[in-house]
Full PDB file with SEQRES, HELIX, SHEET, SSBOND, CRYST1, ORIGX, SCALE, CONECT and MASTER records, all heavy atoms in Angstrom:
SEQRES   1 A   35  THR ARG LEU MET LEU PRO PRO GLY THR ASP THR ASP ALA          
SEQRES   2 A   35  TRP LEU LEU SER GLY GLY SER ALA PRO ALA VAL ASP ARG          
SEQRES   3 A   35  ALA ALA GLY LEU ARG ARG ALA ARG ALA                          
HELIX    1 AA1 ARG A    2  MET A    4  5                                   3    
HELIX    2 AA2 THR A   11  LEU A   16  1                                   6    
HELIX    3 AA3 ARG A   26  ARG A   34  1                                   9    
CRYST1    1.000    1.000    1.000  90.00  90.00  90.00 P 1           1          
ORIGX1      1.000000  0.000000  0.000000        0.00000                         
ORIGX2      0.000000  1.000000  0.000000        0.00000                         
ORIGX3      0.000000  0.000000  1.000000        0.00000                         
SCALE1      1.000000  0.000000  0.000000        0.00000                         
SCALE2      0.000000  1.000000  0.000000        0.00000                         
SCALE3      0.000000  0.000000  1.000000        0.00000                         
ATOM      1  N   THR A   1       0.386  -3.251   4.714  1.00  0.00           N  
ATOM      2  CA  THR A   1       0.136  -2.699   3.381  1.00  0.00           C  
ATOM      3  C   THR A   1      -0.038  -1.191   3.434  1.00  0.00           C  
ATOM      4  O   THR A   1       0.562  -0.448   2.655  1.00  0.00           O  
ATOM      5  CB  THR A   1      -1.129  -3.341   2.775  1.00  0.00           C  
ATOM      6  OG1 THR A   1      -0.929  -4.747   2.625  1.00  0.00           O  
ATOM      7  CG2 THR A   1      -1.453  -2.735   1.430  1.00  0.00           C  
ATOM      8  N   ARG A   2      -0.853  -0.716   4.373  1.00  0.00           N  
ATOM      9  CA  ARG A   2      -1.225   0.700   4.416  1.00  0.00           C  
ATOM     10  C   ARG A   2      -0.025   1.627   4.554  1.00  0.00           C  
ATOM     11  O   ARG A   2       0.038   2.698   3.926  1.00  0.00           O  
ATOM     12  CB  ARG A   2      -2.196   0.928   5.584  1.00  0.00           C  
ATOM     13  CG  ARG A   2      -2.805   2.308   5.629  1.00  0.00           C  
ATOM     14  CD  ARG A   2      -3.685   2.499   6.850  1.00  0.00           C  
ATOM     15  NE  ARG A   2      -2.915   2.589   8.089  1.00  0.00           N  
ATOM     16  CZ  ARG A   2      -2.906   1.675   9.042  1.00  0.00           C  
ATOM     17  NH1 ARG A   2      -3.615   0.568   8.906  1.00  0.00           N  
ATOM     18  NH2 ARG A   2      -2.195   1.850  10.139  1.00  0.00           N  
ATOM     19  N   LEU A   3       0.958   1.235   5.362  1.00  0.00           N  
ATOM     20  CA  LEU A   3       2.100   2.113   5.604  1.00  0.00           C  
ATOM     21  C   LEU A   3       2.996   2.284   4.384  1.00  0.00           C  
ATOM     22  O   LEU A   3       3.849   3.164   4.370  1.00  0.00           O  
ATOM     23  CB  LEU A   3       2.922   1.584   6.790  1.00  0.00           C  
ATOM     24  CG  LEU A   3       2.238   1.666   8.153  1.00  0.00           C  
ATOM     25  CD1 LEU A   3       3.110   1.038   9.230  1.00  0.00           C  
ATOM     26  CD2 LEU A   3       1.911   3.118   8.512  1.00  0.00           C  
ATOM     27  N   MET A   4       2.816   1.440   3.358  1.00  0.00           N  
ATOM     28  CA  MET A   4       3.595   1.579   2.132  1.00  0.00           C  
ATOM     29  C   MET A   4       2.871   2.400   1.063  1.00  0.00           C  
ATOM     30  O   MET A   4       3.463   2.725   0.030  1.00  0.00           O  
ATOM     31  CB  MET A   4       3.939   0.202   1.561  1.00  0.00           C  
ATOM     32  CG  MET A   4       4.970  -0.569   2.353  1.00  0.00           C  
ATOM     33  SD  MET A   4       6.533   0.336   2.596  1.00  0.00           S  
ATOM     34  CE  MET A   4       7.075   0.557   0.892  1.00  0.00           C  
ATOM     35  N   LEU A   5       1.610   2.726   1.283  1.00  0.00           N  
ATOM     36  CA  LEU A   5       0.894   3.525   0.302  1.00  0.00           C  
ATOM     37  C   LEU A   5       1.377   4.975   0.356  1.00  0.00           C  
ATOM     38  O   LEU A   5       1.601   5.522   1.439  1.00  0.00           O  
ATOM     39  CB  LEU A   5      -0.610   3.473   0.570  1.00  0.00           C  
ATOM     40  CG  LEU A   5      -1.275   2.106   0.349  1.00  0.00           C  
ATOM     41  CD1 LEU A   5      -2.733   2.150   0.802  1.00  0.00           C  
ATOM     42  CD2 LEU A   5      -1.183   1.689  -1.111  1.00  0.00           C  
ATOM     43  N   PRO A   6       1.559   5.621  -0.795  1.00  0.00           N  
ATOM     44  CA  PRO A   6       2.019   7.013  -0.798  1.00  0.00           C  
ATOM     45  C   PRO A   6       1.071   7.902  -0.013  1.00  0.00           C  
ATOM     46  O   PRO A   6      -0.149   7.656   0.000  1.00  0.00           O  
ATOM     47  CB  PRO A   6       2.021   7.380  -2.291  1.00  0.00           C  
ATOM     48  CG  PRO A   6       2.113   6.072  -3.011  1.00  0.00           C  
ATOM     49  CD  PRO A   6       1.369   5.082  -2.148  1.00  0.00           C  
ATOM     50  N   PRO A   7       1.581   8.942   0.651  1.00  0.00           N  
ATOM     51  CA  PRO A   7       0.717   9.865   1.395  1.00  0.00           C  
ATOM     52  C   PRO A   7      -0.391  10.408   0.498  1.00  0.00           C  
ATOM     53  O   PRO A   7      -0.150  10.760  -0.660  1.00  0.00           O  
ATOM     54  CB  PRO A   7       1.677  10.979   1.834  1.00  0.00           C  
ATOM     55  CG  PRO A   7       3.021  10.321   1.869  1.00  0.00           C  
ATOM     56  CD  PRO A   7       3.013   9.309   0.763  1.00  0.00           C  
ATOM     57  N   GLY A   8      -1.592  10.454   1.057  1.00  0.00           N  
ATOM     58  CA  GLY A   8      -2.721  10.978   0.299  1.00  0.00           C  
ATOM     59  C   GLY A   8      -3.421   9.966  -0.586  1.00  0.00           C  
ATOM     60  O   GLY A   8      -4.381  10.310  -1.288  1.00  0.00           O  
ATOM     61  N   THR A   9      -2.967   8.713  -0.561  1.00  0.00           N  
ATOM     62  CA  THR A   9      -3.606   7.686  -1.386  1.00  0.00           C  
ATOM     63  C   THR A   9      -5.080   7.514  -0.996  1.00  0.00           C  
ATOM     64  O   THR A   9      -5.408   7.419   0.183  1.00  0.00           O  
ATOM     65  CB  THR A   9      -2.887   6.333  -1.223  1.00  0.00           C  
ATOM     66  OG1 THR A   9      -1.543   6.449  -1.700  1.00  0.00           O  
ATOM     67  CG2 THR A   9      -3.589   5.243  -2.025  1.00  0.00           C  
ATOM     68  N   ASP A  10      -5.937   7.491  -1.993  1.00  0.00           N  
ATOM     69  CA  ASP A  10      -7.354   7.193  -1.770  1.00  0.00           C  
ATOM     70  C   ASP A  10      -7.469   5.677  -1.637  1.00  0.00           C  
ATOM     71  O   ASP A  10      -7.397   4.949  -2.638  1.00  0.00           O  
ATOM     72  CB  ASP A  10      -8.176   7.703  -2.953  1.00  0.00           C  
ATOM     73  CG  ASP A  10      -9.680   7.458  -2.796  1.00  0.00           C  
ATOM     74  OD1 ASP A  10     -10.056   6.566  -2.007  1.00  0.00           O  
ATOM     75  OD2 ASP A  10     -10.461   8.137  -3.480  1.00  0.00           O  
ATOM     76  N   THR A  11      -7.627   5.185  -0.422  1.00  0.00           N  
ATOM     77  CA  THR A  11      -7.633   3.734  -0.220  1.00  0.00           C  
ATOM     78  C   THR A  11      -8.841   3.067  -0.872  1.00  0.00           C  
ATOM     79  O   THR A  11      -8.764   1.899  -1.274  1.00  0.00           O  
ATOM     80  CB  THR A  11      -7.582   3.378   1.279  1.00  0.00           C  
ATOM     81  OG1 THR A  11      -8.656   4.032   1.965  1.00  0.00           O  
ATOM     82  CG2 THR A  11      -6.254   3.800   1.891  1.00  0.00           C  
ATOM     83  N   ASP A  12      -9.958   3.793  -0.997  1.00  0.00           N  
ATOM     84  CA  ASP A  12     -11.111   3.212  -1.687  1.00  0.00           C  
ATOM     85  C   ASP A  12     -10.779   2.956  -3.156  1.00  0.00           C  
ATOM     86  O   ASP A  12     -11.087   1.895  -3.695  1.00  0.00           O  
ATOM     87  CB  ASP A  12     -12.322   4.140  -1.568  1.00  0.00           C  
ATOM     88  CG  ASP A  12     -12.893   4.189  -0.168  1.00  0.00           C  
ATOM     89  OD1 ASP A  12     -12.880   3.141   0.514  1.00  0.00           O  
ATOM     90  OD2 ASP A  12     -13.343   5.265   0.261  1.00  0.00           O  
ATOM     91  N   ALA A  13     -10.138   3.939  -3.797  1.00  0.00           N  
ATOM     92  CA  ALA A  13      -9.744   3.764  -5.196  1.00  0.00           C  
ATOM     93  C   ALA A  13      -8.684   2.673  -5.320  1.00  0.00           C  
ATOM     94  O   ALA A  13      -8.696   1.880  -6.275  1.00  0.00           O  
ATOM     95  CB  ALA A  13      -9.226   5.084  -5.762  1.00  0.00           C  
ATOM     96  N   TRP A  14      -7.779   2.631  -4.350  1.00  0.00           N  
ATOM     97  CA  TRP A  14      -6.720   1.612  -4.386  1.00  0.00           C  
ATOM     98  C   TRP A  14      -7.325   0.209  -4.272  1.00  0.00           C  
ATOM     99  O   TRP A  14      -6.926  -0.708  -4.999  1.00  0.00           O  
ATOM    100  CB  TRP A  14      -5.733   1.875  -3.244  1.00  0.00           C  
ATOM    101  CG  TRP A  14      -4.640   0.864  -3.157  1.00  0.00           C  
ATOM    102  CD1 TRP A  14      -3.523   0.782  -3.939  1.00  0.00           C  
ATOM    103  CD2 TRP A  14      -4.583  -0.234  -2.242  1.00  0.00           C  
ATOM    104  NE1 TRP A  14      -2.761  -0.294  -3.568  1.00  0.00           N  
ATOM    105  CE2 TRP A  14      -3.380  -0.934  -2.533  1.00  0.00           C  
ATOM    106  CE3 TRP A  14      -5.392  -0.687  -1.220  1.00  0.00           C  
ATOM    107  CZ2 TRP A  14      -2.997  -2.069  -1.822  1.00  0.00           C  
ATOM    108  CZ3 TRP A  14      -5.017  -1.812  -0.506  1.00  0.00           C  
ATOM    109  CH2 TRP A  14      -3.836  -2.497  -0.810  1.00  0.00           C  
ATOM    110  N   LEU A  15      -8.282   0.042  -3.379  1.00  0.00           N  
ATOM    111  CA  LEU A  15      -8.938  -1.257  -3.245  1.00  0.00           C  
ATOM    112  C   LEU A  15      -9.694  -1.630  -4.516  1.00  0.00           C  
ATOM    113  O   LEU A  15      -9.700  -2.783  -4.943  1.00  0.00           O  
ATOM    114  CB  LEU A  15      -9.875  -1.255  -2.046  1.00  0.00           C  
ATOM    115  CG  LEU A  15      -9.213  -1.303  -0.658  1.00  0.00           C  
ATOM    116  CD1 LEU A  15     -10.229  -1.009   0.430  1.00  0.00           C  
ATOM    117  CD2 LEU A  15      -8.555  -2.651  -0.416  1.00  0.00           C  
ATOM    118  N   LEU A  16     -10.343  -0.644  -5.137  1.00  0.00           N  
ATOM    119  CA  LEU A  16     -11.057  -0.914  -6.376  1.00  0.00           C  
ATOM    120  C   LEU A  16     -10.110  -1.372  -7.483  1.00  0.00           C  
ATOM    121  O   LEU A  16     -10.504  -2.124  -8.377  1.00  0.00           O  
ATOM    122  CB  LEU A  16     -11.832   0.328  -6.829  1.00  0.00           C  
ATOM    123  CG  LEU A  16     -13.150   0.618  -6.098  1.00  0.00           C  
ATOM    124  CD1 LEU A  16     -13.712   1.957  -6.544  1.00  0.00           C  
ATOM    125  CD2 LEU A  16     -14.164  -0.491  -6.351  1.00  0.00           C  
ATOM    126  N   SER A  17      -8.851  -0.934  -7.414  1.00  0.00           N  
ATOM    127  CA  SER A  17      -7.861  -1.357  -8.414  1.00  0.00           C  
ATOM    128  C   SER A  17      -7.322  -2.750  -8.119  1.00  0.00           C  
ATOM    129  O   SER A  17      -6.475  -3.252  -8.861  1.00  0.00           O  
ATOM    130  CB  SER A  17      -6.699  -0.360  -8.462  1.00  0.00           C  
ATOM    131  OG  SER A  17      -5.809  -0.551  -7.361  1.00  0.00           O  
ATOM    132  N   GLY A  18      -7.816  -3.358  -7.046  1.00  0.00           N  
ATOM    133  CA  GLY A  18      -7.300  -4.662  -6.654  1.00  0.00           C  
ATOM    134  C   GLY A  18      -5.912  -4.575  -6.054  1.00  0.00           C  
ATOM    135  O   GLY A  18      -5.170  -5.563  -6.021  1.00  0.00           O  
ATOM    136  N   GLY A  19      -5.560  -3.385  -5.560  1.00  0.00           N  
ATOM    137  CA  GLY A  19      -4.239  -3.189  -4.958  1.00  0.00           C  
ATOM    138  C   GLY A  19      -3.131  -3.018  -5.975  1.00  0.00           C  
ATOM    139  O   GLY A  19      -1.952  -3.145  -5.624  1.00  0.00           O  
ATOM    140  N   SER A  20      -3.478  -2.669  -7.194  1.00  0.00           N  
ATOM    141  CA  SER A  20      -2.457  -2.554  -8.250  1.00  0.00           C  
ATOM    142  C   SER A  20      -2.086  -1.121  -8.598  1.00  0.00           C  
ATOM    143  O   SER A  20      -1.092  -0.895  -9.295  1.00  0.00           O  
ATOM    144  CB  SER A  20      -2.957  -3.255  -9.521  1.00  0.00           C  
ATOM    145  OG  SER A  20      -4.123  -2.610 -10.031  1.00  0.00           O  
ATOM    146  N   ALA A  21      -2.855  -0.152  -8.136  1.00  0.00           N  
ATOM    147  CA  ALA A  21      -2.577   1.236  -8.493  1.00  0.00           C  
ATOM    148  C   ALA A  21      -2.603   2.122  -7.244  1.00  0.00           C  
ATOM    149  O   ALA A  21      -3.659   2.633  -6.879  1.00  0.00           O  
ATOM    150  CB  ALA A  21      -3.602   1.722  -9.519  1.00  0.00           C  
ATOM    151  N   PRO A  22      -1.468   2.300  -6.570  1.00  0.00           N  
ATOM    152  CA  PRO A  22      -0.151   1.758  -6.934  1.00  0.00           C  
ATOM    153  C   PRO A  22       0.041   0.336  -6.370  1.00  0.00           C  
ATOM    154  O   PRO A  22      -0.627  -0.063  -5.418  1.00  0.00           O  
ATOM    155  CB  PRO A  22       0.811   2.724  -6.262  1.00  0.00           C  
ATOM    156  CG  PRO A  22       0.075   3.160  -5.035  1.00  0.00           C  
ATOM    157  CD  PRO A  22      -1.391   3.232  -5.431  1.00  0.00           C  
ATOM    158  N   ALA A  23       0.982  -0.374  -6.965  1.00  0.00           N  
ATOM    159  CA  ALA A  23       1.369  -1.679  -6.429  1.00  0.00           C  
ATOM    160  C   ALA A  23       2.173  -1.479  -5.153  1.00  0.00           C  
ATOM    161  O   ALA A  23       2.867  -0.476  -4.997  1.00  0.00           O  
ATOM    162  CB  ALA A  23       2.194  -2.446  -7.459  1.00  0.00           C  
ATOM    163  N   VAL A  24       2.065  -2.434  -4.229  1.00  0.00           N  
ATOM    164  CA  VAL A  24       2.769  -2.344  -2.952  1.00  0.00           C  
ATOM    165  C   VAL A  24       3.830  -3.433  -2.883  1.00  0.00           C  
ATOM    166  O   VAL A  24       3.556  -4.606  -3.156  1.00  0.00           O  
ATOM    167  CB  VAL A  24       1.782  -2.484  -1.772  1.00  0.00           C  
ATOM    168  CG1 VAL A  24       2.524  -2.577  -0.452  1.00  0.00           C  
ATOM    169  CG2 VAL A  24       0.818  -1.303  -1.744  1.00  0.00           C  
ATOM    170  N   ASP A  25       5.043  -3.037  -2.520  1.00  0.00           N  
ATOM    171  CA  ASP A  25       6.147  -3.982  -2.308  1.00  0.00           C  
ATOM    172  C   ASP A  25       5.904  -4.674  -0.966  1.00  0.00           C  
ATOM    173  O   ASP A  25       6.055  -4.063   0.088  1.00  0.00           O  
ATOM    174  CB  ASP A  25       7.469  -3.220  -2.308  1.00  0.00           C  
ATOM    175  CG  ASP A  25       8.678  -4.124  -2.142  1.00  0.00           C  
ATOM    176  OD1 ASP A  25       8.564  -5.184  -1.515  1.00  0.00           O  
ATOM    177  OD2 ASP A  25       9.763  -3.740  -2.628  1.00  0.00           O  
ATOM    178  N   ARG A  26       5.525  -5.955  -1.006  1.00  0.00           N  
ATOM    179  CA  ARG A  26       5.137  -6.633   0.235  1.00  0.00           C  
ATOM    180  C   ARG A  26       6.304  -6.805   1.190  1.00  0.00           C  
ATOM    181  O   ARG A  26       6.141  -6.705   2.403  1.00  0.00           O  
ATOM    182  CB  ARG A  26       4.505  -7.991  -0.090  1.00  0.00           C  
ATOM    183  CG  ARG A  26       3.122  -7.863  -0.682  1.00  0.00           C  
ATOM    184  CD  ARG A  26       2.396  -9.189  -0.685  1.00  0.00           C  
ATOM    185  NE  ARG A  26       1.026  -9.020  -1.165  1.00  0.00           N  
ATOM    186  CZ  ARG A  26       0.148 -10.004  -1.224  1.00  0.00           C  
ATOM    187  NH1 ARG A  26       0.495 -11.227  -0.825  1.00  0.00           N  
ATOM    188  NH2 ARG A  26      -1.076  -9.783  -1.664  1.00  0.00           N  
ATOM    189  N   ALA A  27       7.488  -7.061   0.674  1.00  0.00           N  
ATOM    190  CA  ALA A  27       8.649  -7.225   1.551  1.00  0.00           C  
ATOM    191  C   ALA A  27       8.960  -5.919   2.262  1.00  0.00           C  
ATOM    192  O   ALA A  27       9.238  -5.891   3.467  1.00  0.00           O  
ATOM    193  CB  ALA A  27       9.851  -7.709   0.748  1.00  0.00           C  
ATOM    194  N   ALA A  28       8.904  -4.813   1.515  1.00  0.00           N  
ATOM    195  CA  ALA A  28       9.152  -3.505   2.129  1.00  0.00           C  
ATOM    196  C   ALA A  28       8.047  -3.164   3.118  1.00  0.00           C  
ATOM    197  O   ALA A  28       8.296  -2.570   4.176  1.00  0.00           O  
ATOM    198  CB  ALA A  28       9.254  -2.431   1.046  1.00  0.00           C  
ATOM    199  N   GLY A  29       6.814  -3.546   2.777  1.00  0.00           N  
ATOM    200  CA  GLY A  29       5.696  -3.288   3.681  1.00  0.00           C  
ATOM    201  C   GLY A  29       5.834  -4.043   4.987  1.00  0.00           C  
ATOM    202  O   GLY A  29       5.547  -3.508   6.062  1.00  0.00           O  
ATOM    203  N   LEU A  30       6.291  -5.288   4.898  1.00  0.00           N  
ATOM    204  CA  LEU A  30       6.473  -6.070   6.110  1.00  0.00           C  
ATOM    205  C   LEU A  30       7.593  -5.484   6.966  1.00  0.00           C  
ATOM    206  O   LEU A  30       7.467  -5.416   8.194  1.00  0.00           O  
ATOM    207  CB  LEU A  30       6.786  -7.525   5.757  1.00  0.00           C  
ATOM    208  CG  LEU A  30       6.994  -8.476   6.943  1.00  0.00           C  
ATOM    209  CD1 LEU A  30       5.790  -8.466   7.875  1.00  0.00           C  
ATOM    210  CD2 LEU A  30       7.263  -9.894   6.440  1.00  0.00           C  
ATOM    211  N   ARG A  31       8.669  -5.058   6.348  1.00  0.00           N  
ATOM    212  CA  ARG A  31       9.766  -4.445   7.109  1.00  0.00           C  
ATOM    213  C   ARG A  31       9.271  -3.209   7.855  1.00  0.00           C  
ATOM    214  O   ARG A  31       9.554  -3.021   9.038  1.00  0.00           O  
ATOM    215  CB  ARG A  31      10.914  -4.071   6.164  1.00  0.00           C  
ATOM    216  CG  ARG A  31      12.106  -3.440   6.878  1.00  0.00           C  
ATOM    217  CD  ARG A  31      13.185  -3.016   5.896  1.00  0.00           C  
ATOM    218  NE  ARG A  31      14.309  -2.360   6.567  1.00  0.00           N  
ATOM    219  CZ  ARG A  31      15.465  -2.946   6.839  1.00  0.00           C  
ATOM    220  NH1 ARG A  31      15.675  -4.207   6.501  1.00  0.00           N  
ATOM    221  NH2 ARG A  31      16.424  -2.269   7.459  1.00  0.00           N  
ATOM    222  N   ARG A  32       8.496  -2.386   7.165  1.00  0.00           N  
ATOM    223  CA  ARG A  32       7.983  -1.164   7.794  1.00  0.00           C  
ATOM    224  C   ARG A  32       6.970  -1.507   8.895  1.00  0.00           C  
ATOM    225  O   ARG A  32       6.942  -0.867   9.955  1.00  0.00           O  
ATOM    226  CB  ARG A  32       7.348  -0.275   6.726  1.00  0.00           C  
ATOM    227  CG  ARG A  32       6.961   1.100   7.223  1.00  0.00           C  
ATOM    228  CD  ARG A  32       6.618   2.030   6.075  1.00  0.00           C  
ATOM    229  NE  ARG A  32       7.822   2.487   5.367  1.00  0.00           N  
ATOM    230  CZ  ARG A  32       7.813   3.374   4.374  1.00  0.00           C  
ATOM    231  NH1 ARG A  32       6.664   3.884   3.957  1.00  0.00           N  
ATOM    232  NH2 ARG A  32       8.934   3.752   3.797  1.00  0.00           N  
ATOM    233  N   ALA A  33       6.136  -2.524   8.656  1.00  0.00           N  
ATOM    234  CA  ALA A  33       5.150  -2.918   9.662  1.00  0.00           C  
ATOM    235  C   ALA A  33       5.836  -3.421  10.928  1.00  0.00           C  
ATOM    236  O   ALA A  33       5.390  -3.130  12.053  1.00  0.00           O  
ATOM    237  CB  ALA A  33       4.231  -3.996   9.098  1.00  0.00           C  
ATOM    238  N   ARG A  34       6.890  -4.194  10.773  1.00  0.00           N  
ATOM    239  CA  ARG A  34       7.624  -4.699  11.944  1.00  0.00           C  
ATOM    240  C   ARG A  34       8.224  -3.538  12.735  1.00  0.00           C  
ATOM    241  O   ARG A  34       8.198  -3.524  13.975  1.00  0.00           O  
ATOM    242  CB  ARG A  34       8.701  -5.679  11.493  1.00  0.00           C  
ATOM    243  CG  ARG A  34       8.164  -7.014  11.002  1.00  0.00           C  
ATOM    244  CD  ARG A  34       9.201  -7.797  10.196  1.00  0.00           C  
ATOM    245  NE  ARG A  34      10.414  -8.066  10.945  1.00  0.00           N  
ATOM    246  CZ  ARG A  34      10.759  -9.245  11.454  1.00  0.00           C  
ATOM    247  NH1 ARG A  34       9.949 -10.288  11.309  1.00  0.00           N  
ATOM    248  NH2 ARG A  34      11.899  -9.407  12.104  1.00  0.00           N  
ATOM    249  N   ALA A  35       8.756  -2.558  12.033  1.00  0.00           N  
ATOM    250  CA  ALA A  35       9.318  -1.387  12.712  1.00  0.00           C  
ATOM    251  C   ALA A  35       8.230  -0.604  13.432  1.00  0.00           C  
ATOM    252  O   ALA A  35       8.427  -0.128  14.565  1.00  0.00           O  
ATOM    253  CB  ALA A  35      10.036  -0.498  11.696  1.00  0.00           C  
TER     254      ALA A  35                                                      
MASTER        0    0    0    3    0    0    0    6  253    1    0    3          
END                                                                             
């Protein structure tokens, strides 16, 4: 998940949004995580 967040994302704020702001593309996140 983390590697798909835009640079500079406040992860505390992102978690408070329930992971919706911004939303993360899970398929793209998995591809990047595997790489």
